[in-house]
């Protein structure tokens, strides 16, 4: 049987199964769409309070940056959740210790401090896919936090991506 004949029969079988040839083409190439940065600035935050960024919809998570000004003990924790599953929880106090920092080509988790300002950076390469929700939560358990700045960097899924990873099943739209 010729190659052309086998290709034709294969496409005919997929068409009969309800899968279009255009859907097959989307598995090739980059499936990340437009890059998006979300920023939130929070003023003075008392011990026991929480600040968060929540994104509904699907996308690709790349990085977090949380800048904390002030604070007496660095007992402020940052948690990243994708689709309700925690990916990382780390405190400023833990990541200030150079032995607890991670810096590899695929994952970075570190804190740098200048004066009373601490900057936590967490990023993943390749990006982590989320299908329904991304949550960045900062929980303050120390006195004297004068301000928090949170930033996330993500990509929307490409227009042709099958968000749930299955053909023919609609998923949530990309976040707005």
N, C-alpha and C. Protein backbone atom coordinates (compact mmCIF):
# COMPACT_ATOMS: atom_id res chain seq x y z
N UNK A 1 0.85 -1.16 0.00
CA UNK A 1 0.00 0.00 0.00
C UNK A 1 0.90 1.24 0.00
N UNK A 2 0.58 2.23 -0.81
CA UNK A 2 1.41 3.43 -0.94
C UNK A 2 1.25 4.31 0.30
N UNK A 3 2.24 5.19 0.49
CA UNK A 3 2.22 6.12 1.61
C UNK A 3 1.02 7.04 1.51
N UNK A 4 0.73 7.52 0.30
CA UNK A 4 -0.40 8.41 0.10
C UNK A 4 -1.71 7.72 0.47
N UNK A 5 -1.84 6.48 0.10
CA UNK A 5 -3.05 5.71 0.40
C UNK A 5 -3.21 5.53 1.91
N UNK A 6 -2.10 5.21 2.62
CA UNK A 6 -2.16 5.05 4.08
C UNK A 6 -2.52 6.36 4.77
N UNK A 7 -1.96 7.47 4.29
CA UNK A 7 -2.28 8.78 4.85
C UNK A 7 -3.75 9.10 4.63
N UNK A 8 -4.23 8.83 3.42
CA UNK A 8 -5.64 9.09 3.11
C UNK A 8 -6.54 8.26 4.01
N UNK A 9 -6.25 6.99 4.17
CA UNK A 9 -7.07 6.12 5.02
C UNK A 9 -7.00 6.56 6.49
N UNK A 10 -5.83 6.99 6.92
CA UNK A 10 -5.69 7.46 8.30
C UNK A 10 -6.52 8.70 8.56
N UNK A 11 -6.47 9.66 7.63
CA UNK A 11 -7.28 10.87 7.78
C UNK A 11 -8.76 10.57 7.69
N UNK A 12 -9.13 9.64 6.82
CA UNK A 12 -10.53 9.26 6.71
C UNK A 12 -11.02 8.63 8.01
N UNK A 13 -10.18 7.82 8.65
CA UNK A 13 -10.56 7.19 9.92
C UNK A 13 -10.71 8.24 11.01
N UNK A 14 -9.81 9.22 11.04
CA UNK A 14 -9.92 10.27 12.03
C UNK A 14 -11.15 11.13 11.79
N UNK A 15 -11.45 11.42 10.53
CA UNK A 15 -12.64 12.20 10.22
C UNK A 15 -13.89 11.45 10.65
N UNK A 16 -13.89 10.16 10.46
CA UNK A 16 -15.02 9.35 10.88
C UNK A 16 -15.16 9.36 12.40
N UNK A 17 -14.05 9.50 13.09
CA UNK A 17 -14.08 9.54 14.56
C UNK A 17 -14.41 10.94 15.07
N UNK A 18 -14.60 11.91 14.18
CA UNK A 18 -14.97 13.26 14.59
C UNK A 18 -13.79 14.18 14.84
N UNK A 19 -12.62 13.84 14.39
CA UNK A 19 -11.44 14.66 14.60
C UNK A 19 -11.04 15.26 13.27
N UNK A 20 -10.88 16.57 13.23
CA UNK A 20 -10.51 17.21 11.97
C UNK A 20 -9.01 17.24 11.80
N UNK A 21 -8.58 17.36 10.58
CA UNK A 21 -7.14 17.45 10.28
C UNK A 21 -6.58 18.73 10.88
N UNK A 22 -7.38 19.80 10.96
CA UNK A 22 -6.91 21.05 11.56
C UNK A 22 -6.61 20.86 13.04
N UNK A 23 -7.38 20.04 13.73
CA UNK A 23 -7.14 19.78 15.15
C UNK A 23 -5.83 19.05 15.35
N UNK A 24 -5.48 18.19 14.42
CA UNK A 24 -4.22 17.47 14.53
C UNK A 24 -3.03 18.39 14.36
N UNK A 25 -3.17 19.42 13.56
CA UNK A 25 -2.06 20.32 13.30
C UNK A 25 -1.67 21.12 14.53
N UNK A 26 -2.59 21.26 15.50
CA UNK A 26 -2.29 22.10 16.65
C UNK A 26 -1.34 21.45 17.63
N UNK A 27 -1.01 20.20 17.48
CA UNK A 27 -0.07 19.59 18.40
C UNK A 27 1.37 19.94 18.05
N UNK A 28 1.57 20.53 16.90
CA UNK A 28 2.90 20.93 16.49
C UNK A 28 3.11 22.40 16.83
N UNK A 29 4.34 22.77 17.08
CA UNK A 29 4.67 24.18 17.28
C UNK A 29 4.36 24.65 18.68
N UNK A 30 4.47 25.96 18.89
CA UNK A 30 4.29 26.58 20.18
C UNK A 30 2.81 26.77 20.46
N UNK A 31 2.36 26.27 21.59
CA UNK A 31 0.94 26.37 21.92
C UNK A 31 0.68 27.50 22.90
N UNK A 32 1.65 28.37 23.11
CA UNK A 32 1.46 29.49 24.01
C UNK A 32 1.01 30.70 23.20
N UNK A 33 0.03 31.38 23.74
CA UNK A 33 -0.47 32.57 23.10
C UNK A 33 0.17 33.82 23.69
N UNK A 34 -0.59 34.86 23.74
CA UNK A 34 -0.14 36.17 24.17
C UNK A 34 0.42 36.16 25.61
N UNK A 35 1.54 36.84 25.83
CA UNK A 35 2.12 36.97 27.17
C UNK A 35 1.34 38.01 27.95
N UNK A 36 1.14 37.75 29.24
CA UNK A 36 0.36 38.64 30.09
C UNK A 36 1.08 38.80 31.43
N UNK A 37 1.18 40.04 31.89
CA UNK A 37 1.71 40.33 33.22
C UNK A 37 0.59 40.94 34.05
N UNK A 38 0.38 40.39 35.23
CA UNK A 38 -0.63 40.91 36.14
C UNK A 38 0.09 41.43 37.37
N UNK A 39 -0.21 42.67 37.76
CA UNK A 39 0.43 43.28 38.91
C UNK A 39 -0.61 43.74 39.91
N UNK A 40 -0.26 43.65 41.19
CA UNK A 40 -1.13 44.14 42.25
C UNK A 40 -0.25 44.74 43.33
N UNK A 41 -0.58 45.96 43.74
CA UNK A 41 0.15 46.61 44.82
C UNK A 41 -0.77 46.71 46.02
N UNK A 42 -0.26 46.25 47.17
CA UNK A 42 -1.03 46.24 48.41
C UNK A 42 -0.28 47.12 49.39
N UNK A 43 -0.98 47.97 50.11
CA UNK A 43 -0.33 48.83 51.09
C UNK A 43 0.07 48.06 52.32
N UNK A 44 0.05 48.72 53.44
CA UNK A 44 0.43 48.12 54.72
C UNK A 44 -0.43 46.88 54.97
N UNK A 45 0.21 45.79 55.38
CA UNK A 45 -0.49 44.52 55.60
C UNK A 45 -0.15 44.03 57.00
N UNK A 46 -1.19 43.87 57.82
CA UNK A 46 -1.00 43.46 59.21
C UNK A 46 -0.80 41.95 59.30
N UNK A 47 -0.22 41.52 60.40
CA UNK A 47 -0.03 40.10 60.67
C UNK A 47 -1.38 39.40 60.66
N UNK A 48 -1.44 38.25 59.99
CA UNK A 48 -2.69 37.49 59.88
C UNK A 48 -3.50 37.82 58.63
N UNK A 49 -3.09 38.83 57.87
CA UNK A 49 -3.80 39.19 56.65
C UNK A 49 -3.19 38.49 55.44
N UNK A 50 -3.98 38.47 54.36
CA UNK A 50 -3.58 37.80 53.12
C UNK A 50 -3.86 38.71 51.93
N UNK A 51 -3.01 38.64 50.94
CA UNK A 51 -3.23 39.32 49.66
C UNK A 51 -3.14 38.26 48.57
N UNK A 52 -3.92 38.42 47.50
CA UNK A 52 -3.92 37.37 46.47
C UNK A 52 -4.18 37.96 45.09
N UNK A 53 -3.72 37.21 44.10
CA UNK A 53 -4.10 37.41 42.70
C UNK A 53 -4.72 36.10 42.27
N UNK A 54 -5.95 36.16 41.73
CA UNK A 54 -6.62 34.96 41.24
C UNK A 54 -6.97 35.16 39.76
N UNK A 55 -6.67 34.15 38.97
CA UNK A 55 -6.95 34.20 37.55
C UNK A 55 -7.84 33.01 37.21
N UNK A 56 -9.01 33.29 36.64
CA UNK A 56 -9.90 32.22 36.19
C UNK A 56 -9.71 32.03 34.70
N UNK A 57 -9.60 30.80 34.27
CA UNK A 57 -9.38 30.48 32.87
C UNK A 57 -8.11 29.66 32.73
N UNK A 58 -7.77 29.37 31.52
CA UNK A 58 -6.62 28.51 31.24
C UNK A 58 -5.42 29.34 30.80
N UNK A 59 -4.23 28.78 30.99
CA UNK A 59 -3.02 29.47 30.55
C UNK A 59 -1.78 28.70 30.92
N UNK A 60 -0.65 29.38 30.77
CA UNK A 60 0.67 28.82 31.06
C UNK A 60 1.34 29.73 32.07
N UNK A 61 1.70 29.20 33.23
CA UNK A 61 2.33 30.00 34.27
C UNK A 61 3.84 30.01 34.07
N UNK A 62 4.46 31.19 34.19
CA UNK A 62 5.91 31.30 34.05
C UNK A 62 6.58 31.77 35.34
N UNK A 63 6.18 32.92 35.92
CA UNK A 63 6.96 33.49 37.01
C UNK A 63 6.13 34.30 37.99
N UNK A 64 6.70 34.44 39.20
CA UNK A 64 6.15 35.28 40.27
C UNK A 64 7.28 36.18 40.76
N UNK A 65 6.90 37.39 41.10
CA UNK A 65 7.80 38.26 41.84
C UNK A 65 6.98 38.92 42.93
N UNK A 66 7.41 38.80 44.18
CA UNK A 66 6.74 39.45 45.30
C UNK A 66 7.79 40.32 45.99
N UNK A 67 7.48 41.61 46.11
CA UNK A 67 8.38 42.55 46.77
C UNK A 67 7.72 42.97 48.08
N UNK A 68 8.43 42.74 49.18
CA UNK A 68 7.92 43.05 50.51
C UNK A 68 8.81 44.13 51.11
N UNK A 69 8.16 45.19 51.58
CA UNK A 69 8.91 46.26 52.23
C UNK A 69 8.56 46.26 53.71
N UNK A 70 9.59 46.21 54.54
CA UNK A 70 9.39 46.18 55.99
C UNK A 70 9.20 44.76 56.48
N UNK A 71 8.74 44.66 57.71
CA UNK A 71 8.54 43.34 58.31
C UNK A 71 9.60 43.07 59.35
N UNK A 72 9.19 42.40 60.45
CA UNK A 72 10.10 42.19 61.57
C UNK A 72 10.81 40.84 61.54
N UNK A 73 10.19 39.80 60.93
CA UNK A 73 10.78 38.46 61.01
C UNK A 73 10.88 37.75 59.66
N UNK A 74 10.36 38.34 58.59
CA UNK A 74 10.29 37.71 57.26
C UNK A 74 9.43 36.46 57.25
N UNK A 75 8.53 36.35 58.23
CA UNK A 75 7.61 35.23 58.29
C UNK A 75 6.37 35.53 57.43
N UNK A 76 6.62 35.75 56.16
CA UNK A 76 5.57 35.97 55.17
C UNK A 76 5.73 34.89 54.12
N UNK A 77 4.64 34.15 53.86
CA UNK A 77 4.69 33.01 52.93
C UNK A 77 4.01 33.33 51.62
N UNK A 78 4.56 32.78 50.55
CA UNK A 78 4.01 32.93 49.21
C UNK A 78 3.64 31.53 48.72
N UNK A 79 2.39 31.39 48.23
CA UNK A 79 1.92 30.10 47.73
C UNK A 79 1.41 30.29 46.31
N UNK A 80 1.83 29.40 45.42
CA UNK A 80 1.31 29.34 44.05
C UNK A 80 0.47 28.08 43.92
N UNK A 81 -0.79 28.24 43.50
CA UNK A 81 -1.67 27.11 43.25
C UNK A 81 -2.13 27.16 41.80
N UNK A 82 -2.09 26.01 41.14
CA UNK A 82 -2.62 25.88 39.78
C UNK A 82 -3.70 24.82 39.82
N UNK A 83 -4.90 25.20 39.40
CA UNK A 83 -6.06 24.31 39.40
C UNK A 83 -6.28 23.70 40.79
N UNK A 84 -6.07 24.50 41.85
CA UNK A 84 -6.31 24.06 43.21
C UNK A 84 -5.21 23.24 43.83
N UNK A 85 -4.15 22.94 43.09
CA UNK A 85 -3.03 22.15 43.60
C UNK A 85 -1.85 23.07 43.90
N UNK A 86 -1.31 23.01 45.14
CA UNK A 86 -0.15 23.85 45.45
C UNK A 86 1.09 23.39 44.70
N UNK A 87 1.74 24.33 44.02
CA UNK A 87 2.99 24.06 43.31
C UNK A 87 4.18 24.35 44.21
N UNK A 88 4.09 25.43 45.00
CA UNK A 88 5.16 25.80 45.92
C UNK A 88 4.58 26.69 47.00
N UNK A 89 5.10 26.53 48.21
CA UNK A 89 4.87 27.45 49.32
C UNK A 89 6.24 27.71 49.93
N UNK A 90 6.61 28.97 50.03
CA UNK A 90 7.92 29.33 50.57
C UNK A 90 7.80 30.65 51.32
N UNK A 91 8.55 30.77 52.41
CA UNK A 91 8.55 32.02 53.17
C UNK A 91 9.79 32.84 52.79
N UNK A 92 9.69 34.13 53.03
CA UNK A 92 10.84 35.00 52.80
C UNK A 92 12.00 34.57 53.70
N UNK A 93 11.68 34.19 54.95
CA UNK A 93 12.73 33.78 55.89
C UNK A 93 13.48 32.56 55.38
N UNK A 94 12.76 31.58 54.85
CA UNK A 94 13.40 30.36 54.35
C UNK A 94 14.29 30.65 53.15
N UNK A 95 13.75 31.39 52.17
CA UNK A 95 14.51 31.62 50.94
C UNK A 95 15.59 32.69 51.08
N UNK A 96 15.62 33.42 52.19
CA UNK A 96 16.74 34.33 52.44
C UNK A 96 18.01 33.55 52.72
N UNK A 97 17.85 32.36 53.25
CA UNK A 97 18.98 31.48 53.52
C UNK A 97 19.49 30.95 52.19
N UNK A 98 20.73 31.25 51.86
CA UNK A 98 21.28 30.84 50.56
C UNK A 98 21.27 29.33 50.38
N UNK A 99 21.32 28.55 51.47
CA UNK A 99 21.29 27.10 51.36
C UNK A 99 19.90 26.59 50.99
N UNK A 100 18.88 27.42 51.15
CA UNK A 100 17.51 27.02 50.81
C UNK A 100 17.10 27.50 49.43
N UNK A 101 17.89 28.37 48.81
CA UNK A 101 17.55 28.90 47.50
C UNK A 101 17.83 27.86 46.42
N UNK A 102 17.05 27.94 45.34
CA UNK A 102 17.21 27.05 44.20
C UNK A 102 17.40 27.92 42.97
N UNK A 103 18.42 27.61 42.17
CA UNK A 103 18.63 28.34 40.93
C UNK A 103 19.20 27.36 39.91
N UNK A 104 18.30 26.77 39.12
CA UNK A 104 18.68 25.83 38.07
C UNK A 104 18.13 26.34 36.75
N UNK A 105 18.49 25.72 35.64
CA UNK A 105 17.94 26.15 34.35
C UNK A 105 16.42 25.93 34.23
N UNK A 106 15.82 25.09 35.09
CA UNK A 106 14.39 24.81 34.96
C UNK A 106 13.55 25.37 36.09
N UNK A 107 14.18 25.82 37.19
CA UNK A 107 13.42 26.31 38.34
C UNK A 107 14.27 27.26 39.15
N UNK A 108 13.66 28.40 39.55
CA UNK A 108 14.34 29.36 40.41
C UNK A 108 13.40 29.71 41.56
N UNK A 109 13.94 29.70 42.79
CA UNK A 109 13.22 30.17 43.97
C UNK A 109 14.25 30.81 44.88
N UNK A 110 14.19 32.16 45.00
CA UNK A 110 15.20 32.86 45.79
C UNK A 110 14.65 34.18 46.30
N UNK A 111 15.34 34.71 47.30
CA UNK A 111 15.01 36.02 47.86
C UNK A 111 16.30 36.84 47.90
N UNK A 112 16.20 38.08 47.45
CA UNK A 112 17.31 39.02 47.58
C UNK A 112 16.81 40.20 48.42
N UNK A 113 17.70 40.77 49.24
CA UNK A 113 17.31 41.84 50.15
C UNK A 113 18.27 43.01 50.02
N UNK A 114 17.70 44.21 49.96
CA UNK A 114 18.46 45.45 49.98
C UNK A 114 17.75 46.36 50.98
N UNK A 115 18.44 46.67 52.08
CA UNK A 115 17.81 47.48 53.13
C UNK A 115 16.64 46.73 53.75
N UNK A 116 15.46 47.37 53.78
CA UNK A 116 14.27 46.70 54.34
C UNK A 116 13.35 46.16 53.25
N UNK A 117 13.86 46.08 52.01
CA UNK A 117 13.07 45.57 50.88
C UNK A 117 13.59 44.20 50.45
N UNK A 118 12.68 43.22 50.45
CA UNK A 118 13.02 41.86 50.03
C UNK A 118 12.23 41.50 48.78
N UNK A 119 12.88 40.84 47.84
CA UNK A 119 12.27 40.47 46.56
C UNK A 119 12.36 38.95 46.40
N UNK A 120 11.18 38.30 46.37
CA UNK A 120 11.12 36.85 46.12
C UNK A 120 10.83 36.63 44.65
N UNK A 121 11.63 35.77 44.04
CA UNK A 121 11.46 35.43 42.63
C UNK A 121 11.30 33.92 42.51
N UNK A 122 10.24 33.50 41.82
CA UNK A 122 10.00 32.08 41.54
C UNK A 122 9.63 31.98 40.07
N UNK A 123 10.34 31.12 39.32
CA UNK A 123 9.94 30.90 37.93
C UNK A 123 10.23 29.49 37.50
N UNK A 124 9.46 29.07 36.53
CA UNK A 124 9.55 27.72 35.97
C UNK A 124 9.86 27.80 34.48
N UNK A 125 10.70 26.89 34.00
CA UNK A 125 10.98 26.77 32.57
C UNK A 125 11.09 25.28 32.26
N UNK A 126 10.23 24.67 31.52
CA UNK A 126 9.14 25.28 30.77
C UNK A 126 7.98 25.68 31.68
N UNK A 127 7.09 26.48 31.13
CA UNK A 127 5.95 26.98 31.88
C UNK A 127 5.07 25.83 32.36
N UNK A 128 4.29 26.10 33.41
CA UNK A 128 3.35 25.12 33.95
C UNK A 128 1.95 25.44 33.41
N UNK A 129 1.28 24.45 32.92
CA UNK A 129 -0.06 24.63 32.34
C UNK A 129 -1.11 24.57 33.43
N UNK A 130 -2.06 25.51 33.38
CA UNK A 130 -3.23 25.42 34.24
C UNK A 130 -4.48 25.49 33.38
N UNK A 131 -5.50 24.76 33.80
CA UNK A 131 -6.70 24.61 32.97
C UNK A 131 -7.90 25.42 33.45
N UNK A 132 -7.92 25.81 34.71
CA UNK A 132 -9.10 26.49 35.21
C UNK A 132 -8.84 27.67 36.12
N UNK A 133 -7.72 27.64 36.89
CA UNK A 133 -7.49 28.71 37.84
C UNK A 133 -6.03 28.75 38.28
N UNK A 134 -5.53 29.97 38.46
CA UNK A 134 -4.20 30.21 39.02
C UNK A 134 -4.40 31.14 40.21
N UNK A 135 -3.77 30.80 41.34
CA UNK A 135 -3.85 31.65 42.53
C UNK A 135 -2.45 31.90 43.07
N UNK A 136 -2.14 33.16 43.27
CA UNK A 136 -0.92 33.58 43.96
C UNK A 136 -1.39 34.20 45.27
N UNK A 137 -0.98 33.59 46.38
CA UNK A 137 -1.43 34.04 47.70
C UNK A 137 -0.22 34.40 48.56
N UNK A 138 -0.28 35.57 49.21
CA UNK A 138 0.77 36.02 50.12
C UNK A 138 0.14 36.14 51.51
N UNK A 139 0.64 35.34 52.45
CA UNK A 139 0.12 35.32 53.81
C UNK A 139 1.15 35.96 54.74
N UNK A 140 0.75 37.05 55.39
CA UNK A 140 1.65 37.79 56.27
C UNK A 140 1.45 37.31 57.70
N UNK A 141 2.53 36.87 58.34
CA UNK A 141 2.50 36.44 59.75
C UNK A 141 3.61 37.16 60.51
N UNK A 142 3.75 38.44 60.25
CA UNK A 142 4.76 39.27 60.92
C UNK A 142 4.25 40.70 60.99
N UNK A 143 4.78 41.46 61.93
CA UNK A 143 4.40 42.87 62.08
C UNK A 143 5.32 43.74 61.24
N UNK A 144 4.81 44.91 60.86
CA UNK A 144 5.65 45.91 60.22
C UNK A 144 5.77 45.84 58.72
N UNK A 145 4.92 45.06 58.03
CA UNK A 145 5.00 45.01 56.56
C UNK A 145 4.34 46.29 56.02
N UNK A 146 5.17 47.16 55.44
CA UNK A 146 4.70 48.46 54.96
C UNK A 146 4.00 48.35 53.61
N UNK A 147 4.46 47.43 52.74
CA UNK A 147 3.81 47.27 51.44
C UNK A 147 4.18 45.93 50.82
N UNK A 148 3.31 45.46 49.94
CA UNK A 148 3.53 44.26 49.13
C UNK A 148 3.27 44.61 47.68
N UNK A 149 4.11 44.14 46.80
CA UNK A 149 3.87 44.24 45.37
C UNK A 149 3.95 42.83 44.81
N UNK A 150 2.93 42.43 44.05
CA UNK A 150 2.89 41.09 43.47
C UNK A 150 2.83 41.22 41.96
N UNK A 151 3.56 40.34 41.28
CA UNK A 151 3.56 40.33 39.82
C UNK A 151 3.61 38.89 39.35
N UNK A 152 2.79 38.54 38.38
CA UNK A 152 2.84 37.22 37.76
C UNK A 152 3.04 37.41 36.26
N UNK A 153 3.75 36.47 35.65
CA UNK A 153 3.96 36.48 34.21
C UNK A 153 3.44 35.15 33.69
N UNK A 154 2.52 35.22 32.72
CA UNK A 154 1.87 34.03 32.17
C UNK A 154 1.69 34.20 30.67
N UNK A 155 1.25 33.12 30.03
CA UNK A 155 0.84 33.16 28.64
C UNK A 155 -0.56 32.59 28.55
N UNK A 156 -1.35 33.22 27.70
CA UNK A 156 -2.65 32.63 27.38
C UNK A 156 -2.41 31.43 26.47
N UNK A 157 -3.37 30.49 26.43
CA UNK A 157 -3.20 29.42 25.46
C UNK A 157 -3.39 29.97 24.05
N UNK A 158 -2.76 29.35 23.08
CA UNK A 158 -2.94 29.76 21.69
C UNK A 158 -4.40 29.51 21.29
N UNK A 159 -4.91 30.26 20.33
CA UNK A 159 -6.32 30.13 19.95
C UNK A 159 -6.71 28.72 19.54
N UNK A 160 -5.79 27.95 19.01
CA UNK A 160 -6.13 26.61 18.51
C UNK A 160 -5.86 25.51 19.54
N UNK A 161 -5.36 25.88 20.73
CA UNK A 161 -5.00 24.84 21.71
C UNK A 161 -6.25 24.22 22.33
N UNK A 162 -6.19 22.94 22.54
CA UNK A 162 -7.25 22.21 23.22
C UNK A 162 -6.89 22.23 24.70
N UNK A 163 -7.53 23.14 25.43
CA UNK A 163 -7.14 23.45 26.79
C UNK A 163 -7.17 22.23 27.69
N UNK A 164 -8.17 21.38 27.55
CA UNK A 164 -8.25 20.21 28.40
C UNK A 164 -7.35 19.09 27.92
N UNK A 165 -6.69 19.30 26.80
CA UNK A 165 -5.78 18.28 26.30
C UNK A 165 -6.50 17.16 25.57
N UNK A 166 -7.78 17.33 25.34
CA UNK A 166 -8.55 16.31 24.64
C UNK A 166 -9.27 16.98 23.49
N UNK A 167 -9.33 16.30 22.39
CA UNK A 167 -9.98 16.86 21.21
C UNK A 167 -11.49 16.83 21.36
N UNK A 168 -12.15 17.88 20.94
CA UNK A 168 -13.59 17.91 20.90
C UNK A 168 -14.28 18.22 22.22
N UNK A 169 -13.54 18.45 23.29
CA UNK A 169 -14.15 18.79 24.57
C UNK A 169 -13.82 20.23 24.87
N UNK A 170 -14.83 21.10 24.98
CA UNK A 170 -14.54 22.50 25.24
C UNK A 170 -14.03 22.70 26.66
N UNK A 171 -13.10 23.63 26.84
CA UNK A 171 -12.56 23.94 28.15
C UNK A 171 -12.91 25.37 28.51
N UNK A 172 -12.38 25.84 29.60
CA UNK A 172 -12.58 27.22 29.98
C UNK A 172 -11.80 28.10 29.02
N UNK A 173 -12.30 29.31 28.78
CA UNK A 173 -11.55 30.21 27.89
C UNK A 173 -10.28 30.69 28.55
N UNK A 174 -9.42 31.29 27.76
CA UNK A 174 -8.20 31.89 28.31
C UNK A 174 -8.61 33.00 29.26
N UNK A 175 -7.81 33.25 30.26
CA UNK A 175 -8.11 34.30 31.22
C UNK A 175 -8.12 35.64 30.54
N UNK A 176 -8.80 36.59 31.13
CA UNK A 176 -8.89 37.95 30.59
C UNK A 176 -8.18 38.91 31.49
